[in-house]
Structure formats: structure tokens, C-alpha cells
Amino acid sequence: MTMHPNAALIRVHHPHVTLDDNGSPVVEGTKVPVRRIWNWNQKGVPVDTLVKRYPQLGPAKVMAALAFAHDNRELIEVDLAYEKRLLG
């Protein structure tokens, strides 16, 4: 199995985060992109609100996604740019 090129951008691995087929970091076992949680949090949305928005994740996985994003900012920036291109 070949790894997605974005895998090389991961500096610190986290147990609740994996890459999807497009190379986007997602919360493991879901399709929730880490970039989305990161982006909302950077805009001032608190963790408790994110947990309410994504109840299937719970606090530990929301915090893990944010920790992953902090530790792997280059990959998150690449992924945000990817989403921007998709949205046109």
C-alpha cells in the first residue's frame, strides 16, 4: 500500500487522527476533517461548542484534533488550501 504524499508532512502523530484517501487529516473512524475543527477554533469557537457540534467525537477526540493541528500546522495549511481550491 502506498502512502499519500501528505503523510510526509506529519511531524507528530496522534492516535485519534488519520489521513483519508485524499490525504486530509480526519478524526479516526469519522469523516470529520481536522481542518474544520481547527478553523472553527481559530475563529474563536470554544472546545465545548465544538463538542456540541460534533457529539460523536466527544471532548478527547476534539482535543486530539486540535493538538494534531497545532503539532502539524504545515499539513493543516496545505489541507485548508486544498479545501479552498475545491470550493472554488
N, C-alpha and C. Protein backbone atom coordinates (compact mmCIF):
# COMPACT_ATOMS: atom_id res chain seq x y z
N MET A 1 0.84 -1.18 0.00
CA MET A 1 0.00 0.00 0.00
C MET A 1 0.89 1.25 0.00
N THR A 2 0.65 2.16 -0.92
CA THR A 2 1.44 3.38 -0.97
C THR A 2 0.81 4.44 -0.07
N MET A 3 1.68 5.26 0.50
CA MET A 3 1.20 6.31 1.37
C MET A 3 0.96 7.58 0.56
N HIS A 4 -0.01 8.35 1.00
CA HIS A 4 -0.31 9.63 0.37
C HIS A 4 0.87 10.56 0.62
N PRO A 5 1.23 11.42 -0.35
CA PRO A 5 2.36 12.35 -0.15
C PRO A 5 2.20 13.23 1.08
N ASN A 6 0.96 13.54 1.48
CA ASN A 6 0.77 14.38 2.67
C ASN A 6 1.26 13.70 3.94
N ALA A 7 1.40 12.38 3.91
CA ALA A 7 1.89 11.66 5.09
C ALA A 7 3.28 12.14 5.48
N ALA A 8 4.07 12.59 4.50
CA ALA A 8 5.41 13.09 4.78
C ALA A 8 5.39 14.40 5.57
N LEU A 9 4.26 15.10 5.54
CA LEU A 9 4.14 16.37 6.27
C LEU A 9 3.80 16.19 7.74
N ILE A 10 3.44 14.97 8.14
CA ILE A 10 3.09 14.74 9.54
C ILE A 10 4.37 14.75 10.37
N ARG A 11 4.44 15.68 11.30
CA ARG A 11 5.60 15.81 12.19
C ARG A 11 5.37 15.06 13.50
N VAL A 12 4.13 15.09 13.99
CA VAL A 12 3.78 14.42 15.24
C VAL A 12 2.48 13.65 15.00
N HIS A 13 2.52 12.34 15.18
CA HIS A 13 1.33 11.51 15.02
C HIS A 13 0.48 11.57 16.28
N HIS A 14 -0.82 11.45 16.10
CA HIS A 14 -1.77 11.43 17.21
C HIS A 14 -2.69 10.23 17.01
N PRO A 15 -3.04 9.53 18.09
CA PRO A 15 -3.79 8.28 17.95
C PRO A 15 -5.21 8.43 17.40
N HIS A 16 -5.82 9.58 17.53
CA HIS A 16 -7.20 9.75 17.06
C HIS A 16 -7.30 10.41 15.69
N VAL A 17 -6.16 10.59 15.01
CA VAL A 17 -6.17 11.28 13.71
C VAL A 17 -5.49 10.39 12.67
N THR A 18 -6.12 10.32 11.50
CA THR A 18 -5.57 9.55 10.39
C THR A 18 -5.77 10.36 9.11
N LEU A 19 -5.17 9.93 8.02
CA LEU A 19 -5.38 10.59 6.73
C LEU A 19 -6.43 9.83 5.94
N ASP A 20 -7.33 10.58 5.28
CA ASP A 20 -8.30 9.93 4.40
C ASP A 20 -7.64 9.68 3.05
N ASP A 21 -8.41 9.18 2.10
CA ASP A 21 -7.86 8.84 0.78
C ASP A 21 -7.33 10.05 0.02
N ASN A 22 -7.81 11.24 0.37
CA ASN A 22 -7.33 12.48 -0.27
C ASN A 22 -6.13 13.08 0.42
N GLY A 23 -5.67 12.44 1.51
CA GLY A 23 -4.54 12.97 2.26
C GLY A 23 -4.92 14.00 3.29
N SER A 24 -6.22 14.16 3.54
CA SER A 24 -6.68 15.12 4.55
C SER A 24 -6.73 14.45 5.92
N PRO A 25 -6.21 15.11 6.94
CA PRO A 25 -6.32 14.55 8.28
C PRO A 25 -7.78 14.59 8.74
N VAL A 26 -8.25 13.47 9.23
CA VAL A 26 -9.61 13.35 9.75
C VAL A 26 -9.55 12.67 11.12
N VAL A 27 -10.60 12.89 11.90
CA VAL A 27 -10.70 12.20 13.17
C VAL A 27 -10.97 10.73 12.86
N GLU A 28 -10.16 9.86 13.41
CA GLU A 28 -10.23 8.42 13.12
C GLU A 28 -11.63 7.88 13.34
N GLY A 29 -12.09 7.09 12.37
CA GLY A 29 -13.41 6.47 12.45
C GLY A 29 -14.54 7.38 12.00
N THR A 30 -14.20 8.59 11.52
CA THR A 30 -15.20 9.54 11.06
C THR A 30 -14.72 10.16 9.75
N LYS A 31 -15.55 11.03 9.21
CA LYS A 31 -15.15 11.82 8.04
C LYS A 31 -14.93 13.27 8.44
N VAL A 32 -14.85 13.55 9.73
CA VAL A 32 -14.70 14.93 10.21
C VAL A 32 -13.26 15.38 9.99
N PRO A 33 -13.06 16.38 9.12
CA PRO A 33 -11.70 16.86 8.86
C PRO A 33 -11.16 17.68 10.03
N VAL A 34 -9.91 17.43 10.34
CA VAL A 34 -9.23 18.19 11.40
C VAL A 34 -9.21 19.68 11.04
N ARG A 35 -9.07 19.99 9.75
CA ARG A 35 -9.02 21.39 9.32
C ARG A 35 -10.28 22.14 9.74
N ARG A 36 -11.42 21.47 9.72
CA ARG A 36 -12.67 22.12 10.06
C ARG A 36 -12.71 22.47 11.54
N ILE A 37 -12.31 21.52 12.39
CA ILE A 37 -12.26 21.77 13.83
C ILE A 37 -11.26 22.88 14.13
N TRP A 38 -10.09 22.80 13.50
CA TRP A 38 -9.03 23.80 13.68
C TRP A 38 -9.52 25.19 13.25
N ASN A 39 -10.12 25.26 12.08
CA ASN A 39 -10.55 26.55 11.54
C ASN A 39 -11.61 27.20 12.44
N TRP A 40 -12.59 26.42 12.88
CA TRP A 40 -13.61 26.97 13.78
C TRP A 40 -12.97 27.45 15.08
N ASN A 41 -12.06 26.67 15.64
CA ASN A 41 -11.42 27.04 16.89
C ASN A 41 -10.59 28.30 16.72
N GLN A 42 -9.90 28.43 15.59
CA GLN A 42 -9.10 29.63 15.33
C GLN A 42 -9.97 30.88 15.17
N LYS A 43 -11.22 30.66 14.80
CA LYS A 43 -12.16 31.79 14.68
C LYS A 43 -12.83 32.12 16.01
N GLY A 44 -12.43 31.42 17.07
CA GLY A 44 -12.94 31.74 18.40
C GLY A 44 -14.00 30.81 18.94
N VAL A 45 -14.33 29.76 18.20
CA VAL A 45 -15.34 28.81 18.69
C VAL A 45 -14.68 27.94 19.77
N PRO A 46 -15.24 27.95 20.99
CA PRO A 46 -14.62 27.20 22.09
C PRO A 46 -14.82 25.68 21.93
N VAL A 47 -13.97 24.94 22.62
CA VAL A 47 -13.98 23.49 22.55
C VAL A 47 -15.35 22.93 22.94
N ASP A 48 -15.97 23.46 23.98
CA ASP A 48 -17.27 22.91 24.40
C ASP A 48 -18.32 23.06 23.30
N THR A 49 -18.25 24.13 22.53
CA THR A 49 -19.18 24.30 21.40
C THR A 49 -18.86 23.31 20.29
N LEU A 50 -17.58 23.06 20.05
CA LEU A 50 -17.19 22.07 19.04
C LEU A 50 -17.66 20.67 19.44
N VAL A 51 -17.59 20.36 20.73
CA VAL A 51 -18.06 19.06 21.21
C VAL A 51 -19.57 18.95 21.00
N LYS A 52 -20.30 20.04 21.20
CA LYS A 52 -21.74 20.02 20.94
C LYS A 52 -22.03 19.87 19.45
N ARG A 53 -21.20 20.49 18.61
CA ARG A 53 -21.37 20.41 17.15
C ARG A 53 -21.04 19.02 16.62
N TYR A 54 -20.05 18.38 17.25
CA TYR A 54 -19.60 17.05 16.84
C TYR A 54 -19.70 16.09 18.03
N PRO A 55 -20.93 15.80 18.50
CA PRO A 55 -21.07 14.96 19.69
C PRO A 55 -20.52 13.54 19.53
N GLN A 56 -20.44 13.08 18.29
CA GLN A 56 -19.90 11.74 18.05
C GLN A 56 -18.41 11.65 18.38
N LEU A 57 -17.74 12.80 18.47
CA LEU A 57 -16.31 12.81 18.76
C LEU A 57 -16.03 12.81 20.26
N GLY A 58 -16.80 13.58 20.99
CA GLY A 58 -16.51 13.73 22.42
C GLY A 58 -15.32 14.65 22.63
N PRO A 59 -15.09 15.06 23.87
CA PRO A 59 -14.03 16.02 24.15
C PRO A 59 -12.63 15.52 23.82
N ALA A 60 -12.34 14.25 24.06
CA ALA A 60 -10.98 13.74 23.84
C ALA A 60 -10.58 13.82 22.37
N LYS A 61 -11.48 13.45 21.48
CA LYS A 61 -11.14 13.47 20.05
C LYS A 61 -11.10 14.89 19.50
N VAL A 62 -11.94 15.78 20.02
CA VAL A 62 -11.86 17.19 19.59
C VAL A 62 -10.52 17.76 20.02
N MET A 63 -10.13 17.49 21.26
CA MET A 63 -8.84 17.99 21.75
C MET A 63 -7.68 17.35 20.98
N ALA A 64 -7.80 16.07 20.65
CA ALA A 64 -6.76 15.40 19.87
C ALA A 64 -6.62 16.03 18.49
N ALA A 65 -7.75 16.36 17.87
CA ALA A 65 -7.71 17.01 16.55
C ALA A 65 -7.00 18.36 16.64
N LEU A 66 -7.32 19.13 17.68
CA LEU A 66 -6.67 20.44 17.86
C LEU A 66 -5.18 20.27 18.16
N ALA A 67 -4.83 19.28 18.96
CA ALA A 67 -3.41 19.03 19.26
C ALA A 67 -2.67 18.63 17.99
N PHE A 68 -3.29 17.77 17.19
CA PHE A 68 -2.68 17.37 15.92
C PHE A 68 -2.45 18.60 15.04
N ALA A 69 -3.45 19.46 14.96
CA ALA A 69 -3.34 20.66 14.12
C ALA A 69 -2.22 21.57 14.61
N HIS A 70 -2.10 21.74 15.92
CA HIS A 70 -1.02 22.58 16.47
C HIS A 70 0.35 21.98 16.15
N ASP A 71 0.44 20.66 16.24
CA ASP A 71 1.72 19.99 16.01
C ASP A 71 2.07 19.83 14.53
N ASN A 72 1.07 19.98 13.66
CA ASN A 72 1.26 19.73 12.23
C ASN A 72 0.67 20.86 11.40
N ARG A 73 1.02 22.08 11.74
CA ARG A 73 0.41 23.25 11.09
C ARG A 73 0.64 23.28 9.58
N GLU A 74 1.80 22.86 9.13
CA GLU A 74 2.07 22.88 7.69
C GLU A 74 1.05 22.01 6.94
N LEU A 75 0.78 20.83 7.46
CA LEU A 75 -0.19 19.94 6.82
C LEU A 75 -1.59 20.55 6.87
N ILE A 76 -1.95 21.18 7.97
CA ILE A 76 -3.28 21.79 8.09
C ILE A 76 -3.40 22.94 7.08
N GLU A 77 -2.37 23.74 6.92
CA GLU A 77 -2.39 24.82 5.93
C GLU A 77 -2.54 24.27 4.51
N VAL A 78 -1.83 23.19 4.21
CA VAL A 78 -1.96 22.54 2.91
C VAL A 78 -3.39 22.05 2.72
N ASP A 79 -3.96 21.47 3.76
CA ASP A 79 -5.32 20.94 3.67
C ASP A 79 -6.36 22.05 3.54
N LEU A 80 -6.16 23.15 4.24
CA LEU A 80 -7.07 24.30 4.09
C LEU A 80 -7.03 24.85 2.66
N ALA A 81 -5.83 24.91 2.08
CA ALA A 81 -5.69 25.37 0.70
C ALA A 81 -6.38 24.40 -0.26
N TYR A 82 -6.26 23.10 0.02
CA TYR A 82 -6.94 22.07 -0.78
C TYR A 82 -8.45 22.29 -0.75
N GLU A 83 -9.00 22.52 0.44
CA GLU A 83 -10.44 22.75 0.56
C GLU A 83 -10.86 24.02 -0.18
N LYS A 84 -10.06 25.05 -0.09
CA LYS A 84 -10.36 26.31 -0.78
C LYS A 84 -10.41 26.10 -2.29
N ARG A 85 -9.47 25.31 -2.82
CA ARG A 85 -9.48 25.00 -4.26
C ARG A 85 -10.74 24.23 -4.63
N LEU A 86 -11.14 23.30 -3.78
CA LEU A 86 -12.35 22.52 -4.06
C LEU A 86 -13.60 23.37 -4.10
N LEU A 87 -13.65 24.35 -3.20
CA LEU A 87 -14.83 25.20 -3.09
C LEU A 87 -14.84 26.32 -4.13
N GLY A 88 -13.71 26.47 -4.80
CA GLY A 88 -13.62 27.43 -5.89
C GLY A 88 -13.44 28.82 -5.47
